[in-house]
Amino acid sequence: MAKAVQKVTLSPSRDIPFDKLVLSQSNVRRIKAGVSVEELAEDIPAAGYCRA
């Protein structure tokens, strides 16, 4: 017997004025000062995020 697939319900989108956005300390995306995008890209395989 096949398992039932649970459906995902998305919240409706809403417009938020840009000046109302604030930085969150819970945001996991962090960029170190002085590090280029190229340097970050070179680090991806070393960190194990890339599957070749």
C-alpha atoms as a PDB file:
ATOM      1  CA  MET A   1       0.000   0.000   0.000  1.00  0.00           C
ATOM      2  CA  ALA A   2       1.367   3.431  -0.959  1.00  0.00           C
ATOM      3  CA  LYS A   3       1.937   6.047   1.714  1.00  0.00           C
ATOM      4  CA  ALA A   4      -0.056   9.256   1.528  1.00  0.00           C
ATOM      5  CA  VAL A   5       2.039  12.282   0.568  1.00  0.00           C
ATOM      6  CA  GLN A   6       1.643  15.191   2.949  1.00  0.00           C
ATOM      7  CA  LYS A   7       0.908  18.437   1.123  1.00  0.00           C
ATOM      8  CA  VAL A   8       2.799  21.600   1.978  1.00  0.00           C
ATOM      9  CA  THR A   9       0.695  24.684   2.529  1.00  0.00           C
ATOM     10  CA  LEU A  10       2.494  27.921   1.708  1.00  0.00           C
ATOM     11  CA  SER A  11       1.709  31.208   3.351  1.00  0.00           C
ATOM     12  CA  PRO A  12       0.515  33.950   1.023  1.00  0.00           C
ATOM     13  CA  SER A  13       3.186  36.455   0.043  1.00  0.00           C
ATOM     14  CA  ARG A  14       3.052  39.999   1.309  1.00  0.00           C
ATOM     15  CA  ASP A  15       4.845  43.233   0.537  1.00  0.00           C
ATOM     16  CA  ILE A  16       7.104  44.596   3.258  1.00  0.00           C
ATOM     17  CA  PRO A  17       8.604  48.057   2.808  1.00  0.00           C
ATOM     18  CA  PHE A  18      12.389  47.896   2.498  1.00  0.00           C
ATOM     19  CA  ASP A  19      12.887  50.375   5.330  1.00  0.00           C
ATOM     20  CA  LYS A  20      11.011  48.011   7.689  1.00  0.00           C
ATOM     21  CA  LEU A  21      13.474  45.136   7.187  1.00  0.00           C
ATOM     22  CA  VAL A  22      15.978  44.529   9.986  1.00  0.00           C
ATOM     23  CA  LEU A  23      19.005  42.272  10.324  1.00  0.00           C
ATOM     24  CA  SER A  24      18.369  39.172  12.367  1.00  0.00           C
ATOM     25  CA  GLN A  25      20.966  37.506  14.557  1.00  0.00           C
ATOM     26  CA  SER A  26      19.311  34.176  13.719  1.00  0.00           C
ATOM     27  CA  ASN A  27      20.234  34.520  10.035  1.00  0.00           C
ATOM     28  CA  VAL A  28      22.770  31.765   9.401  1.00  0.00           C
ATOM     29  CA  ARG A  29      24.195  33.375   6.268  1.00  0.00           C
ATOM     30  CA  ARG A  30      27.310  35.215   7.355  1.00  0.00           C
ATOM     31  CA  ILE A  31      30.054  36.829   5.286  1.00  0.00           C
ATOM     32  CA  LYS A  32      33.357  37.749   6.852  1.00  0.00           C
ATOM     33  CA  ALA A  33      34.589  41.279   6.176  1.00  0.00           C
ATOM     34  CA  GLY A  34      37.225  41.402   3.460  1.00  0.00           C
ATOM     35  CA  VAL A  35      36.401  37.977   1.979  1.00  0.00           C
ATOM     36  CA  SER A  36      35.550  37.946  -1.719  1.00  0.00           C
ATOM     37  CA  VAL A  37      32.876  35.830  -3.347  1.00  0.00           C
ATOM     38  CA  GLU A  38      35.634  34.003  -5.227  1.00  0.00           C
ATOM     39  CA  GLU A  39      37.351  33.067  -1.949  1.00  0.00           C
ATOM     40  CA  LEU A  40      34.065  31.822  -0.546  1.00  0.00           C
ATOM     41  CA  ALA A  41      33.465  29.768  -3.709  1.00  0.00           C
ATOM     42  CA  GLU A  42      36.922  28.172  -3.414  1.00  0.00           C
ATOM     43  CA  ASP A  43      36.067  27.127   0.143  1.00  0.00           C
ATOM     44  CA  ILE A  44      32.868  25.248  -0.792  1.00  0.00           C
ATOM     45  CA  PRO A  45      34.515  21.915  -1.725  1.00  0.00           C
ATOM     46  CA  ALA A  46      36.779  22.054   1.328  1.00  0.00           C
ATOM     47  CA  ALA A  47      33.754  22.515   3.583  1.00  0.00           C
ATOM     48  CA  GLY A  48      32.071  19.453   2.054  1.00  0.00           C
ATOM     49  CA  TYR A  49      29.112  21.274   0.500  1.00  0.00           C
ATOM     50  CA  CYS A  50      29.882  20.208  -3.041  1.00  0.00           C
ATOM     51  CA  ARG A  51      29.087  16.797  -4.477  1.00  0.00           C
ATOM     52  CA  ALA A  52      30.940  16.123  -7.683  1.00  0.00           C
END
